[in-house]
């Protein structure tokens, strides 16, 4: 199995992306977005997730993050995806959702090929993780994360998007407390 885009070192920080199956725009509803925000906060407090930057887009989540000492990022991401999958399906079933049947059909079909008896699959398999080795790469990814909502024409300025750490870096009210990246950081060689 390839380790090219996996978090294999507990010492490194990573650029991580998790994506919904079929790139479904699930995070257009406030309740679904807040499920992700609340879950990230929980992972920070209880599972050792350290977040340096993030953006929650309609179909995916980008982060610069790592697992604190004693916490493996791979375990954190596995638990995060498992919990949020169940919670999002619960939201779709219990709360007002005009796309309920459509979403459940997509998430159901996404797991038809699986041998285990899974009813719904919200996230694509695994997650994309790239180790942060140089300051140039760190700041390239930081800018990429913050530019995502601007590029998709959701907002005009990165700091206007509530579901992004661009607000933290602009010293504005934010949904998640993060560890700000200093101008230059120590990277792994």
Foldseek 3Di string as FASTA:
>chain_A
DDCQFPQPDQVFWKWKKWWWVVLAQQPPDPVLLVLLLVLVQCCVVPQQKAWAKWFDGRTMIITGIHGPPPHHPQVSVVVSQVVSQVVSLVCLVPDDDPCSVVQQVSQQVVCPPPPDPDRGGTIDPDMGIDTDAAQVSVVVSRVVRLCVCCVVVVDVGSCVDQRICVVVVVVHDHSDDHDHDPPGDDGDD
